[in-house]
Amino acid sequence: MRTHEQFADDLALYALDELTGGMREELEQHVEGCAACRRELQMLRGDLGLLALSSSGPQPPARSKERLIQSVAAEPRRVPRGNPVSAGERSLWTALVPSLAALGLLMLVVVLLRDKSHLQTQLAKLEDRSRMLSSQLDRLSEEVKLLSAADAIHVSLNPQNAPRQPSGTAIFSPSQKRIMFMANNLAPVARGKAYELWIIPTSGAPVPAGMFKPNEHGNGMIVGGKMPDGITAKAFAVTIENEAGSDKPTSPILLVGSIG
């Protein structure tokens, strides 16, 4: 006759649905009349359920995983009296139980690695977004400084024989050495071409001050431009050049505006 402790030792295998034959029938009969074994069996089945969910859901409590592994690891390899087990069956249990435990641990590792990778991706996106917003804030701050500078000068640029009557405004600060340019009602440019803004100094050749292309509404803008050192501007002008830029005007002036 098998003892209570012997039946309790087989509960882990029964929960894994790996107990067969007469041993399974004897255990089921014992569990029907043993409240302690029924409670232990329910807890083992609950632990198995949590372990199975770990591949697609939240991580199971550590105590459930540990108790299940301990139960499986502690399962003795014995042959009850009156119910012999063949050498093949003993070999199967020896290989199967550790493999199931290892599989459960592997599933937990996969879930943790997947969550870590997802968090790292989200963190990288947030860092990129933060850098972009910081750059935009710095640029807006510089534009506000230019517009509010005490020596800021506004220069209106007027068309030179253009049918659409475009116009532009250059704002620059001699003390900050910065320039901003805005234009509207500009005609589209050909492929590979762009508008170029020029600083006309009090002496010497025109100095390039930036390239821009108008949008579908004919509006164009240059922000964050810098005034060259040692240059005193007397006027601004706009021409159409190759989109890579030119070091001197190569086409007729479309817009020009003098200072003062």
C-alpha atoms as a PDB file:
ATOM      1  CA  MET A   1       0.000   0.000   0.000  1.00  0.00           C
ATOM      2  CA  ARG A   2       1.459   3.395  -1.023  1.00  0.00           C
ATOM      3  CA  THR A   3       1.825   6.101   1.645  1.00  0.00           C
ATOM      4  CA  HIS A   4       0.590   9.708   1.558  1.00  0.00           C
ATOM      5  CA  GLU A   5       4.151  10.940   1.030  1.00  0.00           C
ATOM      6  CA  GLN A   6       4.570   8.679  -1.983  1.00  0.00           C
ATOM      7  CA  PHE A   7       1.399  10.014  -3.573  1.00  0.00           C
ATOM      8  CA  ALA A   8       2.455  13.608  -2.799  1.00  0.00           C
ATOM      9  CA  ASP A   9       5.747  12.991  -4.597  1.00  0.00           C
ATOM     10  CA  ASP A  10       3.815  12.189  -7.818  1.00  0.00           C
ATOM     11  CA  LEU A  11       1.657  15.358  -7.814  1.00  0.00           C
ATOM     12  CA  ALA A  12       4.095  17.362  -9.983  1.00  0.00           C
ATOM     13  CA  LEU A  13       4.098  14.684 -12.699  1.00  0.00           C
ATOM     14  CA  TYR A  14       0.309  14.435 -12.521  1.00  0.00           C
ATOM     15  CA  ALA A  15      -0.009  18.233 -12.927  1.00  0.00           C
ATOM     16  CA  LEU A  16       2.192  18.000 -16.036  1.00  0.00           C
ATOM     17  CA  ASP A  17      -0.179  15.257 -17.348  1.00  0.00           C
ATOM     18  CA  GLU A  18       2.753  12.839 -17.510  1.00  0.00           C
ATOM     19  CA  LEU A  19       1.539  10.204 -15.031  1.00  0.00           C
ATOM     20  CA  THR A  20      -0.071   7.214 -16.743  1.00  0.00           C
ATOM     21  CA  GLY A  21      -1.375   3.747 -16.137  1.00  0.00           C
ATOM     22  CA  GLY A  22      -2.012   2.338 -12.716  1.00  0.00           C
ATOM     23  CA  MET A  23       0.039   5.021 -10.979  1.00  0.00           C
ATOM     24  CA  ARG A  24      -2.297   7.705 -12.342  1.00  0.00           C
ATOM     25  CA  GLU A  25      -5.425   5.812 -11.277  1.00  0.00           C
ATOM     26  CA  GLU A  26      -4.070   5.223  -7.759  1.00  0.00           C
ATOM     27  CA  LEU A  27      -3.156   8.904  -7.416  1.00  0.00           C
ATOM     28  CA  GLU A  28      -6.579  10.083  -8.595  1.00  0.00           C
ATOM     29  CA  GLN A  29      -8.270   7.796  -6.052  1.00  0.00           C
ATOM     30  CA  HIS A  30      -5.992   9.097  -3.317  1.00  0.00           C
ATOM     31  CA  VAL A  31      -6.596  12.769  -4.260  1.00  0.00           C
ATOM     32  CA  GLU A  32     -10.364  12.275  -4.025  1.00  0.00           C
ATOM     33  CA  GLY A  33     -10.025  11.481  -0.337  1.00  0.00           C
ATOM     34  CA  CYS A  34      -7.022  13.700   0.583  1.00  0.00           C
ATOM     35  CA  ALA A  35      -7.694  17.421   1.016  1.00  0.00           C
ATOM     36  CA  ALA A  36      -3.977  18.247   1.409  1.00  0.00           C
ATOM     37  CA  CYS A  37      -3.071  16.648  -1.914  1.00  0.00           C
ATOM     38  CA  ARG A  38      -6.011  18.369  -3.651  1.00  0.00           C
ATOM     39  CA  ARG A  39      -4.793  21.786  -2.459  1.00  0.00           C
ATOM     40  CA  GLU A  40      -1.229  21.040  -3.538  1.00  0.00           C
ATOM     41  CA  LEU A  41      -2.443  19.852  -6.967  1.00  0.00           C
ATOM     42  CA  GLN A  42      -4.492  23.029  -7.463  1.00  0.00           C
ATOM     43  CA  MET A  43      -1.455  25.189  -6.608  1.00  0.00           C
ATOM     44  CA  LEU A  44       0.770  23.253  -9.028  1.00  0.00           C
ATOM     45  CA  ARG A  45      -1.783  23.628 -11.833  1.00  0.00           C
ATOM     46  CA  GLY A  46      -2.034  27.354 -11.131  1.00  0.00           C
ATOM     47  CA  ASP A  47       1.753  27.656 -11.345  1.00  0.00           C
ATOM     48  CA  LEU A  48       1.744  25.812 -14.683  1.00  0.00           C
ATOM     49  CA  GLY A  49      -0.941  28.168 -16.024  1.00  0.00           C
ATOM     50  CA  LEU A  50       1.118  31.240 -15.101  1.00  0.00           C
ATOM     51  CA  LEU A  51       4.210  29.749 -16.690  1.00  0.00           C
ATOM     52  CA  ALA A  52       2.330  29.060 -19.934  1.00  0.00           C
ATOM     53  CA  LEU A  53       1.056  32.667 -20.069  1.00  0.00           C
ATOM     54  CA  SER A  54       4.579  34.062 -19.743  1.00  0.00           C
ATOM     55  CA  SER A  55       5.178  33.768 -23.530  1.00  0.00           C
ATOM     56  CA  SER A  56       2.569  36.447 -24.343  1.00  0.00           C
ATOM     57  CA  GLY A  57       1.527  38.098 -21.106  1.00  0.00           C
ATOM     58  CA  PRO A  58       2.949  39.515 -17.896  1.00  0.00           C
ATOM     59  CA  GLN A  59       5.765  37.748 -16.042  1.00  0.00           C
ATOM     60  CA  PRO A  60       4.441  35.206 -13.486  1.00  0.00           C
ATOM     61  CA  PRO A  61       5.287  35.695  -9.811  1.00  0.00           C
ATOM     62  CA  ALA A  62       8.779  34.481  -8.990  1.00  0.00           C
ATOM     63  CA  ARG A  63       7.447  32.312  -6.154  1.00  0.00           C
ATOM     64  CA  SER A  64       5.223  30.352  -8.594  1.00  0.00           C
ATOM     65  CA  LYS A  65       8.116  29.598 -10.939  1.00  0.00           C
ATOM     66  CA  GLU A  66      10.441  28.631  -8.101  1.00  0.00           C
ATOM     67  CA  ARG A  67       7.892  26.367  -6.385  1.00  0.00           C
ATOM     68  CA  LEU A  68       7.057  24.575  -9.640  1.00  0.00           C
ATOM     69  CA  ILE A  69      10.725  24.022 -10.511  1.00  0.00           C
ATOM     70  CA  GLN A  70      11.427  22.798  -6.979  1.00  0.00           C
ATOM     71  CA  SER A  71       8.495  20.380  -7.183  1.00  0.00           C
ATOM     72  CA  VAL A  72       9.685  19.000 -10.512  1.00  0.00           C
ATOM     73  CA  ALA A  73      13.322  18.821  -9.438  1.00  0.00           C
ATOM     74  CA  ALA A  74      12.399  17.046  -6.201  1.00  0.00           C
ATOM     75  CA  GLU A  75      10.329  14.406  -7.983  1.00  0.00           C
ATOM     76  CA  PRO A  76      11.973  11.069  -7.069  1.00  0.00           C
ATOM     77  CA  ARG A  77      12.766   8.416  -9.637  1.00  0.00           C
ATOM     78  CA  ARG A  78      11.409   5.381  -7.772  1.00  0.00           C
ATOM     79  CA  VAL A  79       9.481   2.270  -8.565  1.00  0.00           C
ATOM     80  CA  PRO A  80       6.454   1.762  -6.288  1.00  0.00           C
ATOM     81  CA  ARG A  81       5.939  -1.778  -4.978  1.00  0.00           C
ATOM     82  CA  GLY A  82       3.440  -3.731  -6.971  1.00  0.00           C
ATOM     83  CA  ASN A  83       3.609  -1.402  -9.996  1.00  0.00           C
ATOM     84  CA  PRO A  84       6.967  -1.841 -11.776  1.00  0.00           C
ATOM     85  CA  VAL A  85       8.175   0.747 -14.316  1.00  0.00           C
ATOM     86  CA  SER A  86      10.212  -0.271 -17.314  1.00  0.00           C
ATOM     87  CA  ALA A  87      13.717   1.070 -17.991  1.00  0.00           C
ATOM     88  CA  GLY A  88      12.371   2.938 -21.022  1.00  0.00           C
ATOM     89  CA  GLU A  89       9.775   4.783 -18.924  1.00  0.00           C
ATOM     90  CA  ARG A  90      12.406   5.705 -16.310  1.00  0.00           C
ATOM     91  CA  SER A  91      14.634   7.095 -19.073  1.00  0.00           C
ATOM     92  CA  LEU A  92      11.696   9.126 -20.488  1.00  0.00           C
ATOM     93  CA  TRP A  93      10.938  10.768 -17.118  1.00  0.00           C
ATOM     94  CA  THR A  94      14.609  11.484 -16.544  1.00  0.00           C
ATOM     95  CA  ALA A  95      14.838  13.378 -19.848  1.00  0.00           C
ATOM     96  CA  LEU A  96      11.358  14.930 -20.004  1.00  0.00           C
ATOM     97  CA  VAL A  97      10.954  16.676 -16.647  1.00  0.00           C
ATOM     98  CA  PRO A  98      14.190  18.748 -16.768  1.00  0.00           C
ATOM     99  CA  SER A  99      13.435  19.618 -20.390  1.00  0.00           C
ATOM    100  CA  LEU A 100      10.006  21.020 -19.459  1.00  0.00           C
ATOM    101  CA  ALA A 101      11.532  23.091 -16.675  1.00  0.00           C
ATOM    102  CA  ALA A 102      14.223  24.423 -19.034  1.00  0.00           C
ATOM    103  CA  LEU A 103      11.573  25.282 -21.632  1.00  0.00           C
ATOM    104  CA  GLY A 104       9.647  27.331 -19.091  1.00  0.00           C
ATOM    105  CA  LEU A 105      12.763  29.261 -18.106  1.00  0.00           C
ATOM    106  CA  LEU A 106      13.588  29.854 -21.786  1.00  0.00           C
ATOM    107  CA  MET A 107      10.112  31.324 -22.360  1.00  0.00           C
ATOM    108  CA  LEU A 108      10.670  33.743 -19.473  1.00  0.00           C
ATOM    109  CA  VAL A 109      14.025  34.840 -20.893  1.00  0.00           C
ATOM    110  CA  VAL A 110      12.484  35.464 -24.343  1.00  0.00           C
ATOM    111  CA  VAL A 111       9.749  37.668 -22.831  1.00  0.00           C
ATOM    112  CA  LEU A 112      12.275  39.704 -20.837  1.00  0.00           C
ATOM    113  CA  LEU A 113      14.534  40.226 -23.849  1.00  0.00           C
ATOM    114  CA  ARG A 114      11.589  41.274 -26.019  1.00  0.00           C
ATOM    115  CA  ASP A 115      10.400  43.806 -23.443  1.00  0.00           C
ATOM    116  CA  LYS A 116      13.936  45.185 -23.048  1.00  0.00           C
ATOM    117  CA  SER A 117      14.317  45.649 -26.819  1.00  0.00           C
ATOM    118  CA  HIS A 118      10.938  47.425 -27.030  1.00  0.00           C
ATOM    119  CA  LEU A 119      11.837  49.792 -24.190  1.00  0.00           C
ATOM    120  CA  GLN A 120      15.210  50.591 -25.767  1.00  0.00           C
ATOM    121  CA  THR A 121      13.514  51.426 -29.090  1.00  0.00           C
ATOM    122  CA  GLN A 122      10.973  53.710 -27.400  1.00  0.00           C
ATOM    123  CA  LEU A 123      13.742  55.436 -25.423  1.00  0.00           C
ATOM    124  CA  ALA A 124      15.759  56.082 -28.608  1.00  0.00           C
ATOM    125  CA  LYS A 125      12.695  57.621 -30.281  1.00  0.00           C
ATOM    126  CA  LEU A 126      12.065  59.885 -27.300  1.00  0.00           C
ATOM    127  CA  GLU A 127      15.698  60.992 -27.270  1.00  0.00           C
ATOM    128  CA  ASP A 128      15.570  61.836 -31.014  1.00  0.00           C
ATOM    129  CA  ARG A 129      12.348  63.785 -30.495  1.00  0.00           C
ATOM    130  CA  SER A 130      13.879  65.665 -27.567  1.00  0.00           C
ATOM    131  CA  ARG A 131      16.943  66.651 -29.619  1.00  0.00           C
ATOM    132  CA  MET A 132      14.768  67.849 -32.502  1.00  0.00           C
ATOM    133  CA  LEU A 133      12.569  69.962 -30.222  1.00  0.00           C
ATOM    134  CA  SER A 134      15.639  71.399 -28.504  1.00  0.00           C
ATOM    135  CA  SER A 135      17.110  72.378 -31.883  1.00  0.00           C
ATOM    136  CA  GLN A 136      13.851  74.030 -32.948  1.00  0.00           C
ATOM    137  CA  LEU A 137      13.672  75.926 -29.664  1.00  0.00           C
ATOM    138  CA  ASP A 138      17.233  77.195 -30.074  1.00  0.00           C
ATOM    139  CA  ARG A 139      16.477  78.397 -33.609  1.00  0.00           C
ATOM    140  CA  LEU A 140      13.293  80.190 -32.540  1.00  0.00           C
ATOM    141  CA  SER A 141      15.178  81.811 -29.684  1.00  0.00           C
ATOM    142  CA  GLU A 142      17.776  83.189 -32.112  1.00  0.00           C
ATOM    143  CA  GLU A 143      15.055  84.518 -34.418  1.00  0.00           C
ATOM    144  CA  VAL A 144      13.336  86.296 -31.519  1.00  0.00           C
ATOM    145  CA  LYS A 145      16.671  87.842 -30.492  1.00  0.00           C
ATOM    146  CA  LEU A 146      17.188  89.147 -34.031  1.00  0.00           C
ATOM    147  CA  LEU A 147      13.681  90.561 -34.386  1.00  0.00           C
ATOM    148  CA  SER A 148      13.872  92.261 -30.983  1.00  0.00           C
ATOM    149  CA  ALA A 149      17.427  93.609 -31.355  1.00  0.00           C
ATOM    150  CA  ALA A 150      17.670  97.359 -30.761  1.00  0.00           C
ATOM    151  CA  ASP A 151      19.671  97.844 -33.980  1.00  0.00           C
ATOM    152  CA  ALA A 152      17.569  95.523 -36.165  1.00  0.00           C
ATOM    153  CA  ILE A 153      17.180  97.000 -39.655  1.00  0.00           C
ATOM    154  CA  HIS A 154      14.347  96.083 -42.045  1.00  0.00           C
ATOM    155  CA  VAL A 155      15.077  96.314 -45.765  1.00  0.00           C
ATOM    156  CA  SER A 156      12.313  95.941 -48.356  1.00  0.00           C
ATOM    157  CA  LEU A 157      13.318  94.349 -51.649  1.00  0.00           C
ATOM    158  CA  ASN A 158      11.301  95.322 -54.742  1.00  0.00           C
ATOM    159  CA  PRO A 159      10.965  93.618 -58.148  1.00  0.00           C
ATOM    160  CA  GLN A 160      13.093  94.429 -61.191  1.00  0.00           C
ATOM    161  CA  ASN A 161      10.869  94.015 -64.264  1.00  0.00           C
ATOM    162  CA  ALA A 162       9.075  90.922 -62.893  1.00  0.00           C
ATOM    163  CA  PRO A 163       5.462  90.259 -64.026  1.00  0.00           C
ATOM    164  CA  ARG A 164       4.248  88.704 -60.770  1.00  0.00           C
ATOM    165  CA  GLN A 165       5.473  91.537 -58.563  1.00  0.00           C
ATOM    166  CA  PRO A 166       7.260  89.493 -55.913  1.00  0.00           C
ATOM    167  CA  SER A 167       8.552  91.182 -52.788  1.00  0.00           C
ATOM    168  CA  GLY A 168      10.910  90.448 -49.932  1.00  0.00           C
ATOM    169  CA  THR A 169      12.134  91.734 -46.582  1.00  0.00           C
ATOM    170  CA  ALA A 170      15.599  91.357 -45.109  1.00  0.00           C
ATOM    171  CA  ILE A 171      16.111  91.868 -41.369  1.00  0.00           C
ATOM    172  CA  PHE A 172      19.641  92.018 -40.030  1.00  0.00           C
ATOM    173  CA  SER A 173      21.461  93.125 -36.912  1.00  0.00           C
ATOM    174  CA  PRO A 174      25.003  94.524 -37.240  1.00  0.00           C
ATOM    175  CA  SER A 175      25.714  93.795 -33.563  1.00  0.00           C
ATOM    176  CA  GLN A 176      24.497  90.175 -33.676  1.00  0.00           C
ATOM    177  CA  LYS A 177      25.861  89.549 -37.182  1.00  0.00           C
ATOM    178  CA  ARG A 178      22.646  87.727 -38.062  1.00  0.00           C
ATOM    179  CA  ILE A 179      20.208  88.014 -40.955  1.00  0.00           C
ATOM    180  CA  MET A 180      16.706  86.785 -41.787  1.00  0.00           C
ATOM    181  CA  PHE A 181      14.990  87.020 -45.160  1.00  0.00           C
ATOM    182  CA  MET A 182      11.341  86.501 -46.149  1.00  0.00           C
ATOM    183  CA  ALA A 183       9.836  86.689 -49.644  1.00  0.00           C
ATOM    184  CA  ASN A 184       6.433  86.109 -51.192  1.00  0.00           C
ATOM    185  CA  ASN A 185       4.746  85.872 -54.578  1.00  0.00           C
ATOM    186  CA  LEU A 186       7.851  84.250 -56.062  1.00  0.00           C
ATOM    187  CA  ALA A 187       7.678  82.308 -59.316  1.00  0.00           C
ATOM    188  CA  PRO A 188       8.656  78.614 -59.260  1.00  0.00           C
ATOM    189  CA  VAL A 189      12.222  77.826 -60.302  1.00  0.00           C
ATOM    190  CA  ALA A 190      13.369  75.229 -62.804  1.00  0.00           C
ATOM    191  CA  ARG A 191      14.747  71.889 -61.739  1.00  0.00           C
ATOM    192  CA  GLY A 192      18.249  72.279 -60.310  1.00  0.00           C
ATOM    193  CA  LYS A 193      17.744  76.013 -59.697  1.00  0.00           C
ATOM    194  CA  ALA A 194      17.103  78.075 -56.564  1.00  0.00           C
ATOM    195  CA  TYR A 195      16.926  81.681 -55.393  1.00  0.00           C
ATOM    196  CA  GLU A 196      20.060  83.170 -53.838  1.00  0.00           C
ATOM    197  CA  LEU A 197      20.211  86.191 -51.523  1.00  0.00           C
ATOM    198  CA  TRP A 198      23.129  88.612 -51.882  1.00  0.00           C
ATOM    199  CA  ILE A 199      24.607  91.228 -49.581  1.00  0.00           C
ATOM    200  CA  ILE A 200      25.719  94.288 -51.537  1.00  0.00           C
ATOM    201  CA  PRO A 201      28.559  95.820 -49.487  1.00  0.00           C
ATOM    202  CA  THR A 202      29.600  99.458 -49.444  1.00  0.00           C
ATOM    203  CA  SER A 203      32.688  98.362 -51.344  1.00  0.00           C
ATOM    204  CA  GLY A 204      33.619  95.204 -53.177  1.00  0.00           C
ATOM    205  CA  ALA A 205      31.660  92.414 -54.908  1.00  0.00           C
ATOM    206  CA  PRO A 206      28.295  90.992 -53.772  1.00  0.00           C
ATOM    207  CA  VAL A 207      28.524  88.407 -50.962  1.00  0.00           C
ATOM    208  CA  PRO A 208      26.273  85.281 -50.977  1.00  0.00           C
ATOM    209  CA  ALA A 209      23.924  85.159 -47.971  1.00  0.00           C
ATOM    210  CA  GLY A 210      21.897  81.984 -48.502  1.00  0.00           C
ATOM    211  CA  MET A 211      19.844  79.792 -50.849  1.00  0.00           C
ATOM    212  CA  PHE A 212      16.107  79.105 -50.757  1.00  0.00           C
ATOM    213  CA  LYS A 213      13.254  77.724 -52.840  1.00  0.00           C
ATOM    214  CA  PRO A 214       9.663  78.984 -52.696  1.00  0.00           C
ATOM    215  CA  ASN A 215       6.810  76.723 -51.627  1.00  0.00           C
ATOM    216  CA  GLU A 216       3.648  76.131 -53.657  1.00  0.00           C
ATOM    217  CA  HIS A 217       2.320  79.530 -52.518  1.00  0.00           C
ATOM    218  CA  GLY A 218       5.397  81.400 -53.720  1.00  0.00           C
ATOM    219  CA  ASN A 219       6.749  82.028 -50.214  1.00  0.00           C
ATOM    220  CA  GLY A 220      10.407  81.565 -49.317  1.00  0.00           C
ATOM    221  CA  MET A 221      12.546  82.163 -46.225  1.00  0.00           C
ATOM    222  CA  ILE A 222      16.105  82.142 -44.943  1.00  0.00           C
ATOM    223  CA  VAL A 223      16.561  81.851 -41.174  1.00  0.00           C
ATOM    224  CA  GLY A 224      19.702  81.593 -39.102  1.00  0.00           C
ATOM    225  CA  GLY A 225      21.825  83.439 -41.688  1.00  0.00           C
ATOM    226  CA  LYS A 226      25.068  85.078 -40.581  1.00  0.00           C
ATOM    227  CA  MET A 227      26.549  88.384 -41.680  1.00  0.00           C
ATOM    228  CA  PRO A 228      30.228  88.023 -42.716  1.00  0.00           C
ATOM    229  CA  ASP A 229      32.785  89.797 -40.571  1.00  0.00           C
ATOM    230  CA  GLY A 230      34.168  93.052 -41.937  1.00  0.00           C
ATOM    231  CA  ILE A 231      31.209  93.580 -44.302  1.00  0.00           C
ATOM    232  CA  THR A 232      29.073  96.723 -44.161  1.00  0.00           C
ATOM    233  CA  ALA A 233      25.880  96.198 -46.160  1.00  0.00           C
ATOM    234  CA  LYS A 234      24.354  98.945 -48.269  1.00  0.00           C
ATOM    235  CA  ALA A 235      21.748  96.780 -50.070  1.00  0.00           C
ATOM    236  CA  PHE A 236      20.365  93.261 -50.579  1.00  0.00           C
ATOM    237  CA  ALA A 237      19.480  91.524 -53.846  1.00  0.00           C
ATOM    238  CA  VAL A 238      18.041  88.211 -55.098  1.00  0.00           C
ATOM    239  CA  THR A 239      18.919  86.244 -58.238  1.00  0.00           C
ATOM    240  CA  ILE A 240      18.272  82.725 -59.552  1.00  0.00           C
ATOM    241  CA  GLU A 241      21.319  80.453 -59.491  1.00  0.00           C
ATOM    242  CA  ASN A 242      22.152  76.744 -59.523  1.00  0.00           C
ATOM    243  CA  GLU A 243      20.730  75.132 -56.380  1.00  0.00           C
ATOM    244  CA  ALA A 244      24.253  74.334 -55.141  1.00  0.00           C
ATOM    245  CA  GLY A 245      24.861  78.084 -54.864  1.00  0.00           C
ATOM    246  CA  SER A 246      27.176  80.521 -56.605  1.00  0.00           C
ATOM    247  CA  ASP A 247      29.986  82.755 -55.350  1.00  0.00           C
ATOM    248  CA  LYS A 248      28.873  85.595 -57.648  1.00  0.00           C
ATOM    249  CA  PRO A 249      25.609  86.541 -59.410  1.00  0.00           C
ATOM    250  CA  THR A 250      25.227  84.904 -62.842  1.00  0.00           C
ATOM    251  CA  SER A 251      21.691  86.014 -63.716  1.00  0.00           C
ATOM    252  CA  PRO A 252      19.711  89.272 -63.696  1.00  0.00           C
ATOM    253  CA  ILE A 253      18.680  90.741 -60.346  1.00  0.00           C
ATOM    254  CA  LEU A 254      15.019  89.965 -59.544  1.00  0.00           C
ATOM    255  CA  LEU A 255      14.702  91.803 -56.215  1.00  0.00           C
ATOM    256  CA  VAL A 256      16.831  94.606 -54.759  1.00  0.00           C
ATOM    257  CA  GLY A 257      16.552  96.811 -51.723  1.00  0.00           C
ATOM    258  CA  SER A 258      18.817  99.525 -50.346  1.00  0.00           C
ATOM    259  CA  ILE A 259      19.430 100.301 -46.687  1.00  0.00           C
ATOM    260  CA  GLY A 260      18.187 103.651 -45.477  1.00  0.00           C
END
